[in-house]
Amino acid sequence: MNWCEKVIKIMTERGISQKQLSEISGITESSISRYLHNNQRPRMDIVVNVAKALNTETEYFLDEDEKAESAYNTIATAIARKGSELSPEEKNKLISLILGAI
């Protein structure tokens, strides 16, 4: 199952429309539509925003081979784009990822 199928599956299970996902994630509705109809995974910051909006782990949307190599990129992107919006729990999780505790 690719990333689009996983997002659509969660949206369907939770009764979330593209418009609602757009509002929750802060990503435009046209971008959400484009990402969901394209078989390529978008930039990591978009994946992080979608995962957060769907209350799902970012890793769920990654392929097995991407998980290990993307941990650093996930952390760097999250800090760069959303660092001021992270909760203390999210910051601790990032620190754990950096230190290899997870």
C-alpha atoms as a PDB file:
ATOM      1  CA  MET A   1       0.000   0.000   0.000  1.00  0.00           C
ATOM      2  CA  ASN A   2       1.502   3.345  -0.997  1.00  0.00           C
ATOM      3  CA  TRP A   3       1.279   6.550   1.015  1.00  0.00           C
ATOM      4  CA  CYS A   4      -1.826   7.847  -0.841  1.00  0.00           C
ATOM      5  CA  GLU A   5      -3.728   4.635  -0.187  1.00  0.00           C
ATOM      6  CA  LYS A   6      -2.799   4.786   3.499  1.00  0.00           C
ATOM      7  CA  VAL A   7      -4.013   8.389   3.826  1.00  0.00           C
ATOM      8  CA  ILE A   8      -7.257   7.618   1.994  1.00  0.00           C
ATOM      9  CA  LYS A   9      -7.799   4.521   4.155  1.00  0.00           C
ATOM     10  CA  ILE A  10      -7.492   6.536   7.371  1.00  0.00           C
ATOM     11  CA  MET A  11      -9.678   9.323   5.985  1.00  0.00           C
ATOM     12  CA  THR A  12     -12.359   6.799   5.021  1.00  0.00           C
ATOM     13  CA  GLU A  13     -12.209   5.019   8.389  1.00  0.00           C
ATOM     14  CA  ARG A  14     -12.578   8.322  10.231  1.00  0.00           C
ATOM     15  CA  GLY A  15     -15.053   9.939   7.854  1.00  0.00           C
ATOM     16  CA  ILE A  16     -12.700  12.815   6.994  1.00  0.00           C
ATOM     17  CA  SER A  17     -13.094  14.596   3.655  1.00  0.00           C
ATOM     18  CA  GLN A  18     -10.295  16.202   1.643  1.00  0.00           C
ATOM     19  CA  LYS A  19     -11.656  19.588   2.674  1.00  0.00           C
ATOM     20  CA  GLN A  20     -11.555  18.641   6.349  1.00  0.00           C
ATOM     21  CA  LEU A  21      -8.023  17.261   6.003  1.00  0.00           C
ATOM     22  CA  SER A  22      -7.032  20.519   4.353  1.00  0.00           C
ATOM     23  CA  GLU A  23      -8.460  22.557   7.228  1.00  0.00           C
ATOM     24  CA  ILE A  24      -6.890  20.355   9.910  1.00  0.00           C
ATOM     25  CA  SER A  25      -3.465  20.113   8.271  1.00  0.00           C
ATOM     26  CA  GLY A  26      -3.146  23.675   7.000  1.00  0.00           C
ATOM     27  CA  ILE A  27      -2.474  22.373   3.478  1.00  0.00           C
ATOM     28  CA  THR A  28      -4.599  23.795   0.677  1.00  0.00           C
ATOM     29  CA  GLU A  29      -7.424  21.621  -0.584  1.00  0.00           C
ATOM     30  CA  SER A  30      -5.982  21.644  -4.110  1.00  0.00           C
ATOM     31  CA  SER A  31      -2.628  20.421  -2.771  1.00  0.00           C
ATOM     32  CA  ILE A  32      -4.316  17.658  -0.753  1.00  0.00           C
ATOM     33  CA  SER A  33      -6.142  16.561  -3.893  1.00  0.00           C
ATOM     34  CA  ARG A  34      -2.930  16.592  -5.914  1.00  0.00           C
ATOM     35  CA  TYR A  35      -1.048  14.576  -3.265  1.00  0.00           C
ATOM     36  CA  LEU A  36      -3.829  11.998  -2.986  1.00  0.00           C
ATOM     37  CA  HIS A  37      -4.061  11.463  -6.736  1.00  0.00           C
ATOM     38  CA  ASN A  38      -0.323  11.178  -7.288  1.00  0.00           C
ATOM     39  CA  ASN A  39       1.457   7.938  -6.476  1.00  0.00           C
ATOM     40  CA  GLN A  40       4.546   9.752  -5.248  1.00  0.00           C
ATOM     41  CA  ARG A  41       4.947  10.649  -1.597  1.00  0.00           C
ATOM     42  CA  PRO A  42       5.176  14.435  -1.091  1.00  0.00           C
ATOM     43  CA  ARG A  43       7.934  16.265   0.775  1.00  0.00           C
ATOM     44  CA  MET A  44       8.504  15.119   4.320  1.00  0.00           C
ATOM     45  CA  ASP A  45       7.033  18.283   5.860  1.00  0.00           C
ATOM     46  CA  ILE A  46       3.743  17.577   4.075  1.00  0.00           C
ATOM     47  CA  VAL A  47       3.778  13.966   5.296  1.00  0.00           C
ATOM     48  CA  VAL A  48       4.423  15.226   8.840  1.00  0.00           C
ATOM     49  CA  ASN A  49       1.501  17.688   8.620  1.00  0.00           C
ATOM     50  CA  VAL A  50      -0.868  15.044   7.245  1.00  0.00           C
ATOM     51  CA  ALA A  51       0.185  12.525   9.889  1.00  0.00           C
ATOM     52  CA  LYS A  52      -0.293  15.078  12.648  1.00  0.00           C
ATOM     53  CA  ALA A  53      -3.701  16.091  11.260  1.00  0.00           C
ATOM     54  CA  LEU A  54      -4.774  12.437  11.161  1.00  0.00           C
ATOM     55  CA  ASN A  55      -3.271  11.753  14.596  1.00  0.00           C
ATOM     56  CA  THR A  56      -1.096   9.043  13.059  1.00  0.00           C
ATOM     57  CA  GLU A  57       2.615   8.291  13.318  1.00  0.00           C
ATOM     58  CA  THR A  58       4.582   9.705  10.386  1.00  0.00           C
ATOM     59  CA  GLU A  59       6.355   6.375   9.998  1.00  0.00           C
ATOM     60  CA  TYR A  60       3.050   4.727   9.042  1.00  0.00           C
ATOM     61  CA  PHE A  61       3.180   6.596   5.732  1.00  0.00           C
ATOM     62  CA  LEU A  62       6.770   5.622   4.908  1.00  0.00           C
ATOM     63  CA  ASP A  63       8.033   2.550   3.100  1.00  0.00           C
ATOM     64  CA  GLU A  64      10.192   0.181   5.138  1.00  0.00           C
ATOM     65  CA  ASP A  65      13.411   1.288   3.455  1.00  0.00           C
ATOM     66  CA  GLU A  66      12.528   4.951   4.040  1.00  0.00           C
ATOM     67  CA  LYS A  67      11.902   4.617   7.774  1.00  0.00           C
ATOM     68  CA  ALA A  68      15.492   4.351   8.956  1.00  0.00           C
ATOM     69  CA  GLU A  69      16.970   6.921   6.602  1.00  0.00           C
ATOM     70  CA  SER A  70      14.143   9.408   7.025  1.00  0.00           C
ATOM     71  CA  ALA A  71      14.206   9.703  10.807  1.00  0.00           C
ATOM     72  CA  TYR A  72      16.794  12.463  10.644  1.00  0.00           C
ATOM     73  CA  ASN A  73      14.961  14.215   7.794  1.00  0.00           C
ATOM     74  CA  THR A  74      11.675  13.969   9.684  1.00  0.00           C
ATOM     75  CA  ILE A  75      13.229  15.513  12.752  1.00  0.00           C
ATOM     76  CA  ALA A  76      15.039  18.248  10.856  1.00  0.00           C
ATOM     77  CA  THR A  77      11.930  19.159   8.858  1.00  0.00           C
ATOM     78  CA  ALA A  78       9.637  19.151  11.874  1.00  0.00           C
ATOM     79  CA  ILE A  79      11.986  21.372  13.826  1.00  0.00           C
ATOM     80  CA  ALA A  80      12.604  23.741  10.936  1.00  0.00           C
ATOM     81  CA  ARG A  81       8.963  24.174   9.988  1.00  0.00           C
ATOM     82  CA  LYS A  82       7.015  23.565  13.161  1.00  0.00           C
ATOM     83  CA  GLY A  83       9.465  23.779  16.047  1.00  0.00           C
ATOM     84  CA  SER A  84       7.632  26.572  17.818  1.00  0.00           C
ATOM     85  CA  GLU A  85       4.343  24.666  17.565  1.00  0.00           C
ATOM     86  CA  LEU A  86       5.613  21.391  19.047  1.00  0.00           C
ATOM     87  CA  SER A  87       4.332  20.294  22.422  1.00  0.00           C
ATOM     88  CA  PRO A  88       6.813  19.280  25.123  1.00  0.00           C
ATOM     89  CA  GLU A  89       5.854  15.639  24.455  1.00  0.00           C
ATOM     90  CA  GLU A  90       6.607  16.015  20.728  1.00  0.00           C
ATOM     91  CA  LYS A  91       9.919  17.702  21.502  1.00  0.00           C
ATOM     92  CA  ASN A  92      10.864  14.842  23.829  1.00  0.00           C
ATOM     93  CA  LYS A  93       9.958  12.339  21.140  1.00  0.00           C
ATOM     94  CA  LEU A  94      12.205  14.145  18.667  1.00  0.00           C
ATOM     95  CA  ILE A  95      15.046  14.117  21.175  1.00  0.00           C
ATOM     96  CA  SER A  96      14.508  10.378  21.669  1.00  0.00           C
ATOM     97  CA  LEU A  97      14.627   9.834  17.918  1.00  0.00           C
ATOM     98  CA  ILE A  98      17.838  11.833  17.678  1.00  0.00           C
ATOM     99  CA  LEU A  99      19.421   9.803  20.456  1.00  0.00           C
ATOM    100  CA  GLY A 100      18.179   6.525  18.966  1.00  0.00           C
ATOM    101  CA  ALA A 101      15.970   5.665  21.914  1.00  0.00           C
ATOM    102  CA  ILE A 102      13.018   4.719  19.687  1.00  0.00           C
END
